[in-house]
C-alpha atoms as a PDB file:
ATOM      1  CA  MET A   1     -77.816 -82.014  36.107  1.00  0.00           C
ATOM      2  CA  PHE A   2     -77.389 -79.373  33.538  1.00  0.00           C
ATOM      3  CA  SER A   3     -73.983 -78.291  32.182  1.00  0.00           C
ATOM      4  CA  ARG A   4     -73.165 -74.613  31.899  1.00  0.00           C
ATOM      5  CA  LYS A   5     -71.202 -72.960  29.101  1.00  0.00           C
ATOM      6  CA  PRO A   6     -67.937 -71.626  30.446  1.00  0.00           C
ATOM      7  CA  GLN A   7     -67.698 -67.849  30.627  1.00  0.00           C
ATOM      8  CA  ILE A   8     -64.769 -66.579  28.501  1.00  0.00           C
ATOM      9  CA  PRO A   9     -63.806 -62.955  29.178  1.00  0.00           C
ATOM     10  CA  HIS A  10     -64.082 -60.903  26.002  1.00  0.00           C
ATOM     11  CA  THR A  11     -62.811 -57.370  25.473  1.00  0.00           C
ATOM     12  CA  LEU A  12     -63.755 -55.202  22.586  1.00  0.00           C
ATOM     13  CA  PRO A  13     -60.804 -53.939  20.450  1.00  0.00           C
ATOM     14  CA  THR A  14     -59.805 -50.328  21.018  1.00  0.00           C
ATOM     15  CA  PRO A  15     -60.509 -48.288  17.956  1.00  0.00           C
ATOM     16  CA  PRO A  16     -57.371 -46.679  16.463  1.00  0.00           C
ATOM     17  CA  ALA A  17     -56.768 -43.120  17.568  1.00  0.00           C
ATOM     18  CA  SER A  18     -57.317 -40.464  14.933  1.00  0.00           C
ATOM     19  CA  ARG A  19     -54.465 -38.255  13.626  1.00  0.00           C
ATOM     20  CA  GLY A  20     -55.990 -35.266  15.339  1.00  0.00           C
ATOM     21  CA  GLY A  21     -55.944 -37.097  18.636  1.00  0.00           C
ATOM     22  CA  GLN A  22     -52.288 -38.054  18.203  1.00  0.00           C
ATOM     23  CA  ALA A  23     -51.314 -34.475  17.483  1.00  0.00           C
ATOM     24  CA  ARG A  24     -53.327 -33.282  20.464  1.00  0.00           C
ATOM     25  CA  ALA A  25     -51.620 -35.841  22.713  1.00  0.00           C
ATOM     26  CA  LEU A  26     -48.202 -34.822  21.425  1.00  0.00           C
ATOM     27  CA  ALA A  27     -48.982 -31.153  22.004  1.00  0.00           C
ATOM     28  CA  LEU A  28     -50.104 -31.907  25.553  1.00  0.00           C
ATOM     29  CA  ARG A  29     -46.930 -33.880  26.155  1.00  0.00           C
ATOM     30  CA  VAL A  30     -44.750 -31.039  24.861  1.00  0.00           C
ATOM     31  CA  ALA A  31     -46.692 -28.471  26.859  1.00  0.00           C
ATOM     32  CA  GLY A  32     -46.142 -30.525  29.988  1.00  0.00           C
ATOM     33  CA  ASN A  33     -42.335 -30.325  29.521  1.00  0.00           C
ATOM     34  CA  PRO A  34     -41.057 -26.790  30.283  1.00  0.00           C
ATOM     35  CA  TRP A  35     -37.814 -27.240  28.329  1.00  0.00           C
ATOM     36  CA  LEU A  36     -39.565 -28.394  25.186  1.00  0.00           C
ATOM     37  CA  SER A  37     -42.101 -25.598  25.545  1.00  0.00           C
ATOM     38  CA  ALA A  38     -39.401 -22.927  25.775  1.00  0.00           C
ATOM     39  CA  GLY A  39     -37.481 -24.378  22.834  1.00  0.00           C
ATOM     40  CA  GLY A  40     -40.588 -24.575  20.688  1.00  0.00           C
ATOM     41  CA  ALA A  41     -41.561 -20.998  21.523  1.00  0.00           C
ATOM     42  CA  GLY A  42     -38.064 -19.742  20.644  1.00  0.00           C
ATOM     43  CA  LEU A  43     -38.095 -21.641  17.350  1.00  0.00           C
ATOM     44  CA  MET A  44     -41.471 -20.186  16.419  1.00  0.00           C
ATOM     45  CA  PHE A  45     -40.264 -16.670  17.293  1.00  0.00           C
ATOM     46  CA  LEU A  46     -37.142 -17.099  15.135  1.00  0.00           C
ATOM     47  CA  ILE A  47     -39.141 -18.396  12.175  1.00  0.00           C
ATOM     48  CA  THR A  48     -41.589 -15.521  12.506  1.00  0.00           C
ATOM     49  CA  LEU A  49     -38.780 -12.942  12.686  1.00  0.00           C
ATOM     50  CA  ILE A  50     -37.023 -14.342   9.605  1.00  0.00           C
ATOM     51  CA  THR A  51     -40.294 -14.372   7.701  1.00  0.00           C
ATOM     52  CA  LEU A  52     -41.011 -10.735   8.575  1.00  0.00           C
ATOM     53  CA  ILE A  53     -37.503  -9.649   7.522  1.00  0.00           C
ATOM     54  CA  MET A  54     -37.758 -11.481   4.195  1.00  0.00           C
ATOM     55  CA  VAL A  55     -41.224 -10.117   3.434  1.00  0.00           C
ATOM     56  CA  MET A  56     -41.041  -6.556   4.747  1.00  0.00           C
ATOM     57  CA  GLY A  57     -37.282  -5.807   4.901  1.00  0.00           C
ATOM     58  CA  ASP A  58     -35.085  -4.139   2.286  1.00  0.00           C
ATOM     59  CA  ALA A  59     -32.598  -6.534   0.700  1.00  0.00           C
ATOM     60  CA  LYS A  60     -30.122  -3.691   0.077  1.00  0.00           C
ATOM     61  CA  ALA A  61     -30.446  -2.041   3.491  1.00  0.00           C
ATOM     62  CA  GLY A  62     -27.233  -3.653   4.810  1.00  0.00           C
ATOM     63  CA  THR A  63     -25.120  -2.812   1.769  1.00  0.00           C
ATOM     64  CA  PRO A  64     -23.282   0.543   1.777  1.00  0.00           C
ATOM     65  CA  ILE A  65     -24.055   2.186  -1.542  1.00  0.00           C
ATOM     66  CA  VAL A  66     -22.407   5.406  -2.652  1.00  0.00           C
ATOM     67  CA  ARG A  67     -23.266   6.997  -5.966  1.00  0.00           C
ATOM     68  CA  LEU A  68     -21.080   9.810  -7.239  1.00  0.00           C
ATOM     69  CA  SER A  69     -21.646  11.926 -10.262  1.00  0.00           C
ATOM     70  CA  LEU A  70     -18.572  12.375 -12.423  1.00  0.00           C
ATOM     71  CA  ALA A  71     -19.647  15.915 -13.204  1.00  0.00           C
ATOM     72  CA  HIS A  72     -19.875  16.770  -9.501  1.00  0.00           C
ATOM     73  CA  ALA A  73     -16.526  15.118  -8.834  1.00  0.00           C
ATOM     74  CA  ALA A  74     -14.932  17.242 -11.532  1.00  0.00           C
ATOM     75  CA  GLU A  75     -16.462  20.369 -10.035  1.00  0.00           C
ATOM     76  CA  ALA A  76     -15.190  19.403  -6.566  1.00  0.00           C
ATOM     77  CA  GLY A  77     -11.652  18.974  -7.894  1.00  0.00           C
ATOM     78  CA  SER A  78     -11.707  22.292  -9.681  1.00  0.00           C
ATOM     79  CA  GLY A  79     -10.618  24.004  -6.458  1.00  0.00           C
ATOM     80  CA  VAL A  80      -7.170  22.423  -6.698  1.00  0.00           C
ATOM     81  CA  PRO A  81      -5.003  24.668  -8.906  1.00  0.00           C
ATOM     82  CA  GLY A  82      -3.286  23.042 -11.852  1.00  0.00           C
ATOM     83  CA  TRP A  83      -5.165  19.730 -11.841  1.00  0.00           C
ATOM     84  CA  LYS A  84      -6.619  20.231 -15.320  1.00  0.00           C
ATOM     85  CA  GLU A  85      -3.280  21.268 -16.748  1.00  0.00           C
ATOM     86  CA  ALA A  86      -1.718  18.076 -15.368  1.00  0.00           C
ATOM     87  CA  LEU A  87      -4.078  15.888 -17.396  1.00  0.00           C
ATOM     88  CA  ALA A  88      -2.783  14.514 -20.665  1.00  0.00           C
ATOM     89  CA  ASP A  89      -4.242  15.905 -23.852  1.00  0.00           C
ATOM     90  CA  GLU A  90      -6.263  12.986 -25.216  1.00  0.00           C
ATOM     91  CA  SER A  91      -7.652  14.899 -28.177  1.00  0.00           C
ATOM     92  CA  ALA A  92      -4.347  15.037 -30.014  1.00  0.00           C
ATOM     93  CA  ALA A  93      -3.278  12.020 -32.038  1.00  0.00           C
ATOM     94  CA  PRO A  94      -0.285  10.124 -30.636  1.00  0.00           C
ATOM     95  CA  VAL A  95       3.041  10.740 -32.341  1.00  0.00           C
ATOM     96  CA  VAL A  96       4.426   7.531 -33.802  1.00  0.00           C
ATOM     97  CA  THR A  97       7.837   7.274 -35.397  1.00  0.00           C
ATOM     98  CA  THR A  98       9.149   4.251 -37.255  1.00  0.00           C
ATOM     99  CA  ASP A  99      12.802   3.283 -37.269  1.00  0.00           C
ATOM    100  CA  GLU A 100      14.733   0.357 -38.675  1.00  0.00           C
ATOM    101  CA  LEU A 101      17.326  -1.500 -36.661  1.00  0.00           C
ATOM    102  CA  THR A 102      19.906  -3.621 -38.434  1.00  0.00           C
ATOM    103  CA  LEU A 103      22.718  -5.789 -37.166  1.00  0.00           C
ATOM    104  CA  SER A 104      26.219  -4.411 -37.406  1.00  0.00           C
ATOM    105  CA  ASP A 105      28.478  -5.837 -40.096  1.00  0.00           C
ATOM    106  CA  THR A 106      31.439  -5.562 -37.743  1.00  0.00           C
ATOM    107  CA  PRO A 107      30.556  -7.243 -34.451  1.00  0.00           C
ATOM    108  CA  ILE A 108      32.313  -6.261 -31.251  1.00  0.00           C
ATOM    109  CA  GLU A 109      35.358  -8.362 -30.531  1.00  0.00           C
ATOM    110  CA  LEU A 110      35.572  -9.441 -26.918  1.00  0.00           C
ATOM    111  CA  ALA A 111      38.764 -10.164 -25.053  1.00  0.00           C
ATOM    112  CA  ASP A 112      39.608 -13.624 -23.817  1.00  0.00           C
ATOM    113  CA  ASN A 113      37.910 -12.909 -20.466  1.00  0.00           C
ATOM    114  CA  GLY A 114      34.746 -11.625 -22.154  1.00  0.00           C
ATOM    115  CA  VAL A 115      35.142  -8.016 -20.970  1.00  0.00           C
ATOM    116  CA  ILE A 116      34.494  -5.123 -23.356  1.00  0.00           C
ATOM    117  CA  GLY A 117      37.250  -2.536 -23.246  1.00  0.00           C
ATOM    118  CA  GLY A 118      37.066   1.219 -23.682  1.00  0.00           C
ATOM    119  CA  SER A 119      35.679   4.088 -21.677  1.00  0.00           C
ATOM    120  CA  ALA A 120      32.015   5.015 -21.153  1.00  0.00           C
ATOM    121  CA  VAL A 121      30.952   8.654 -21.017  1.00  0.00           C
ATOM    122  CA  ILE A 122      27.468   9.585 -19.795  1.00  0.00           C
ATOM    123  CA  THR A 123      26.218  13.109 -20.421  1.00  0.00           C
ATOM    124  CA  LEU A 124      24.018  14.476 -17.646  1.00  0.00           C
ATOM    125  CA  PRO A 125      21.618  17.424 -17.525  1.00  0.00           C
ATOM    126  CA  GLU A 126      22.914  20.889 -16.673  1.00  0.00           C
ATOM    127  CA  GLY A 127      26.254  20.211 -18.307  1.00  0.00           C
ATOM    128  CA  GLY A 128      27.257  17.296 -16.051  1.00  0.00           C
ATOM    129  CA  ARG A 129      29.278  14.365 -17.305  1.00  0.00           C
ATOM    130  CA  LEU A 130      30.157  10.992 -15.801  1.00  0.00           C
ATOM    131  CA  GLU A 131      33.220   9.143 -17.029  1.00  0.00           C
ATOM    132  CA  GLY A 132      34.260   5.643 -16.121  1.00  0.00           C
ATOM    133  CA  SER A 133      37.291   3.756 -17.384  1.00  0.00           C
ATOM    134  CA  GLY A 134      37.836   1.183 -14.696  1.00  0.00           C
ATOM    135  CA  GLY A 135      39.228   3.728 -12.247  1.00  0.00           C
ATOM    136  CA  PRO A 136      37.507   6.041  -9.806  1.00  0.00           C
ATOM    137  CA  LEU A 137      34.317   7.753 -10.890  1.00  0.00           C
ATOM    138  CA  ILE A 138      34.704  11.381 -11.915  1.00  0.00           C
ATOM    139  CA  ALA A 139      31.568  13.530 -11.925  1.00  0.00           C
ATOM    140  CA  THR A 140      31.962  16.956 -13.445  1.00  0.00           C
ATOM    141  CA  GLY A 141      29.437  19.754 -13.580  1.00  0.00           C
ATOM    142  CA  GLY A 142      26.161  19.497 -11.702  1.00  0.00           C
ATOM    143  CA  GLY A 143      23.506  21.649 -10.148  1.00  0.00           C
ATOM    144  CA  SER A 144      23.543  24.106  -7.331  1.00  0.00           C
ATOM    145  CA  ALA A 145      23.227  23.252  -3.655  1.00  0.00           C
ATOM    146  CA  LEU A 146      19.806  22.618  -2.166  1.00  0.00           C
ATOM    147  CA  ILE A 147      18.454  24.544   0.795  1.00  0.00           C
ATOM    148  CA  GLN A 148      19.576  23.171   4.145  1.00  0.00           C
ATOM    149  CA  ALA A 149      17.135  20.948   6.001  1.00  0.00           C
ATOM    150  CA  PRO A 150      15.000  21.321   8.024  1.00  0.00           C
ATOM    151  CA  ILE A 151      13.225  24.210   6.316  1.00  0.00           C
ATOM    152  CA  ALA A 152      11.656  26.733   8.669  1.00  0.00           C
ATOM    153  CA  GLY A 153       7.876  26.532   8.861  1.00  0.00           C
ATOM    154  CA  LEU A 154       7.672  22.919   7.651  1.00  0.00           C
ATOM    155  CA  THR A 155       8.342  21.183  10.969  1.00  0.00           C
ATOM    156  CA  ALA A 156       6.683  20.867  14.362  1.00  0.00           C
ATOM    157  CA  PRO A 157       7.941  19.235  17.591  1.00  0.00           C
ATOM    158  CA  GLY A 158       6.727  15.668  17.979  1.00  0.00           C
ATOM    159  CA  PRO A 159       5.800  13.716  21.135  1.00  0.00           C
ATOM    160  CA  GLY A 160       9.450  12.809  21.805  1.00  0.00           C
ATOM    161  CA  GLY A 161      10.779  16.264  21.100  1.00  0.00           C
ATOM    162  CA  ALA A 162      12.034  15.469  17.590  1.00  0.00           C
ATOM    163  CA  LEU A 163      10.873  17.580  14.665  1.00  0.00           C
ATOM    164  CA  LEU A 164       8.133  16.127  12.470  1.00  0.00           C
ATOM    165  CA  PRO A 165       7.252  17.356   8.960  1.00  0.00           C
ATOM    166  CA  VAL A 166       4.047  19.396   8.623  1.00  0.00           C
ATOM    167  CA  ILE A 167       2.362  21.358   5.851  1.00  0.00           C
ATOM    168  CA  GLY A 168       3.496  24.960   5.912  1.00  0.00           C
ATOM    169  CA  GLY A 169       1.247  27.917   6.472  1.00  0.00           C
ATOM    170  CA  ASP A 170       1.519  28.807   2.778  1.00  0.00           C
ATOM    171  CA  GLY A 171       0.302  25.344   1.758  1.00  0.00           C
ATOM    172  CA  ARG A 172       3.726  23.940   0.882  1.00  0.00           C
ATOM    173  CA  LYS A 173       4.169  20.224   1.461  1.00  0.00           C
ATOM    174  CA  PRO A 174       7.515  18.983   2.801  1.00  0.00           C
ATOM    175  CA  TRP A 175       8.100  16.436   0.033  1.00  0.00           C
ATOM    176  CA  GLN A 176       7.694  19.189  -2.538  1.00  0.00           C
ATOM    177  CA  ALA A 177       9.840  21.720  -0.699  1.00  0.00           C
ATOM    178  CA  TYR A 178      12.740  19.289  -0.171  1.00  0.00           C
ATOM    179  CA  ALA A 179      12.630  17.835  -3.706  1.00  0.00           C
ATOM    180  CA  ARG A 180      15.348  18.678  -6.188  1.00  0.00           C
ATOM    181  CA  PRO A 181      13.936  21.085  -8.793  1.00  0.00           C
ATOM    182  CA  PHE A 182      14.023  20.042 -12.421  1.00  0.00           C
ATOM    183  CA  THR A 183      12.684  21.244 -15.742  1.00  0.00           C
ATOM    184  CA  ALA A 184      10.429  18.776 -17.537  1.00  0.00           C
ATOM    185  CA  ASN A 185      11.302  18.269 -21.202  1.00  0.00           C
ATOM    186  CA  GLY A 186       8.529  15.819 -22.101  1.00  0.00           C
ATOM    187  CA  LYS A 187      10.843  12.805 -22.099  1.00  0.00           C
ATOM    188  CA  PRO A 188      10.444   9.771 -19.807  1.00  0.00           C
ATOM    189  CA  LYS A 189      12.065  10.184 -16.404  1.00  0.00           C
ATOM    190  CA  VAL A 190      13.991   7.572 -14.430  1.00  0.00           C
ATOM    191  CA  ALA A 191      14.680   7.892 -10.700  1.00  0.00           C
ATOM    192  CA  LEU A 192      17.979   6.510  -9.399  1.00  0.00           C
ATOM    193  CA  VAL A 193      18.196   6.018  -5.608  1.00  0.00           C
ATOM    194  CA  ILE A 194      21.299   4.804  -3.758  1.00  0.00           C
ATOM    195  CA  GLY A 195      20.302   3.347  -0.383  1.00  0.00           C
ATOM    196  CA  GLY A 196      21.971   2.235   2.816  1.00  0.00           C
ATOM    197  CA  LEU A 197      24.227   5.272   3.091  1.00  0.00           C
ATOM    198  CA  GLY A 198      25.628   6.571   6.372  1.00  0.00           C
ATOM    199  CA  LEU A 199      26.802   3.254   7.790  1.00  0.00           C
ATOM    200  CA  ASN A 200      30.171   3.359   6.037  1.00  0.00           C
ATOM    201  CA  PRO A 201      31.679   6.879   6.240  1.00  0.00           C
ATOM    202  CA  ALA A 202      34.177   6.377   3.423  1.00  0.00           C
ATOM    203  CA  TYR A 203      31.672   5.059   0.885  1.00  0.00           C
ATOM    204  CA  THR A 204      29.069   7.608   1.982  1.00  0.00           C
ATOM    205  CA  ARG A 205      31.429  10.524   1.356  1.00  0.00           C
ATOM    206  CA  ARG A 206      32.429   9.108  -2.051  1.00  0.00           C
ATOM    207  CA  ALA A 207      28.765   8.746  -3.039  1.00  0.00           C
ATOM    208  CA  ILE A 208      27.973  12.313  -1.996  1.00  0.00           C
ATOM    209  CA  GLU A 209      30.960  13.937  -3.641  1.00  0.00           C
ATOM    210  CA  LEU A 210      31.391  11.800  -6.769  1.00  0.00           C
ATOM    211  CA  LEU A 211      27.861  10.857  -7.852  1.00  0.00           C
ATOM    212  CA  PRO A 212      25.946  13.364  -9.991  1.00  0.00           C
ATOM    213  CA  PRO A 213      23.535  15.578  -8.046  1.00  0.00           C
ATOM    214  CA  GLU A 214      20.605  14.084  -9.984  1.00  0.00           C
ATOM    215  CA  VAL A 215      21.093  10.824  -8.033  1.00  0.00           C
ATOM    216  CA  THR A 216      18.927  10.609  -4.917  1.00  0.00           C
ATOM    217  CA  LEU A 217      20.683   9.406  -1.756  1.00  0.00           C
ATOM    218  CA  SER A 218      18.859   7.373   0.884  1.00  0.00           C
ATOM    219  CA  PHE A 219      20.319   7.193   4.404  1.00  0.00           C
ATOM    220  CA  ALA A 220      19.919   4.515   7.060  1.00  0.00           C
ATOM    221  CA  PRO A 221      18.375   5.823  10.312  1.00  0.00           C
ATOM    222  CA  TYR A 222      21.175   4.205  12.347  1.00  0.00           C
ATOM    223  CA  ALA A 223      23.932   6.306  10.738  1.00  0.00           C
ATOM    224  CA  GLU A 224      26.148   8.213  13.122  1.00  0.00           C
ATOM    225  CA  GLY A 225      26.000  11.966  12.526  1.00  0.00           C
ATOM    226  CA  LEU A 226      22.956  11.571  10.295  1.00  0.00           C
ATOM    227  CA  GLN A 227      22.098  15.274  10.130  1.00  0.00           C
ATOM    228  CA  GLY A 228      25.649  16.110   9.072  1.00  0.00           C
ATOM    229  CA  TRP A 229      25.502  13.605   6.202  1.00  0.00           C
ATOM    230  CA  ILE A 230      22.151  15.029   5.096  1.00  0.00           C
ATOM    231  CA  ASP A 231      23.512  18.573   5.145  1.00  0.00           C
ATOM    232  CA  LEU A 232      26.544  17.516   3.115  1.00  0.00           C
ATOM    233  CA  ALA A 233      24.419  15.652   0.567  1.00  0.00           C
ATOM    234  CA  ARG A 234      22.049  18.582   0.048  1.00  0.00           C
ATOM    235  CA  ALA A 235      25.001  20.955  -0.200  1.00  0.00           C
ATOM    236  CA  ASN A 236      26.175  18.836  -3.149  1.00  0.00           C
ATOM    237  CA  GLY A 237      22.736  19.044  -4.784  1.00  0.00           C
ATOM    238  CA  HIS A 238      21.416  15.584  -3.877  1.00  0.00           C
ATOM    239  CA  GLU A 239      17.810  14.972  -2.935  1.00  0.00           C
ATOM    240  CA  VAL A 240      17.766  12.984   0.315  1.00  0.00           C
ATOM    241  CA  LEU A 241      15.528  10.189   1.600  1.00  0.00           C
ATOM    242  CA  LEU A 242      15.441   8.665   5.083  1.00  0.00           C
ATOM    243  CA  GLU A 243      14.828   4.927   5.329  1.00  0.00           C
ATOM    244  CA  THR A 244      12.213   3.590   7.762  1.00  0.00           C
ATOM    245  CA  PRO A 245      13.528   0.921  10.173  1.00  0.00           C
ATOM    246  CA  MET A 246      11.453  -2.183   9.434  1.00  0.00           C
ATOM    247  CA  GLU A 247      11.448  -5.617  11.048  1.00  0.00           C
ATOM    248  CA  PRO A 248      14.187  -7.779   9.462  1.00  0.00           C
ATOM    249  CA  SER A 249      13.103 -10.723   7.337  1.00  0.00           C
ATOM    250  CA  TYR A 250      15.700 -12.992   8.959  1.00  0.00           C
ATOM    251  CA  SER A 251      16.638 -13.658  12.558  1.00  0.00           C
ATOM    252  CA  GLY A 252      19.800 -12.568  14.273  1.00  0.00           C
ATOM    253  CA  MET A 253      19.491  -8.845  13.484  1.00  0.00           C
ATOM    254  CA  GLU A 254      17.106  -7.794  16.263  1.00  0.00           C
ATOM    255  CA  SER A 255      19.937  -6.613  18.499  1.00  0.00           C
ATOM    256  CA  ALA A 256      21.591  -4.603  15.703  1.00  0.00           C
ATOM    257  CA  MET A 257      18.337  -3.139  14.377  1.00  0.00           C
ATOM    258  CA  THR A 258      16.733  -1.381  17.327  1.00  0.00           C
ATOM    259  CA  SER A 259      13.545   0.673  17.232  1.00  0.00           C
ATOM    260  CA  THR A 260      12.200  -1.327  14.294  1.00  0.00           C
ATOM    261  CA  MET A 261       8.642  -0.937  13.069  1.00  0.00           C
ATOM    262  CA  ARG A 262       6.765  -4.202  13.661  1.00  0.00           C
END
């Protein structure tokens, strides 16, 4: 009896897949999934579009660039009368004066309460004078009355029926027509504006009648009889401003301040 060698099943090892085969299998797997295919196509389109813009596009196309010639700008402004005369003369050398200030040998003696006594007198243009000695203010002199507002030809009816300022047919602007005239003397100018007038009749009348006409008066829009106060102020030579009602910076005034600008 002969013995037989047992049969042992034997399988050959599978050779490792190449890199090209793995990529091909992955591509087939992605192509079989519609969501991955759409996402991959969109990504490729976006990359292609960005590449085209970077290579062929203009880097400055999205930036607004305006180049102006100073010579052309000067020629364009030459149509406005008086603009060259208003420029300062830079060719002339500045005028410099030297002064010496020394301390007084006799210092001012203050009272026990620290208040300086005496009377102050301020001389105003056009012969005006303001005296103050602790009592009521007395303003003497002053300019002539200003033309009554509104000036014909410088207003137009607004949407609510009220008159709104407009540029006149002769080119006059309202802020220039209503301004108080003055003669420039080459010295620095200071504007003094007293605001909040019209709410207290007594103080408003004192400000109009006692302050020098060179002081500008600003009226609150809530004043009763506002046009009458403006007429009185301009009759006394004051330039007049009208305050714009703005939203208060603190609460509790909304009911008192109606029609505010928010």
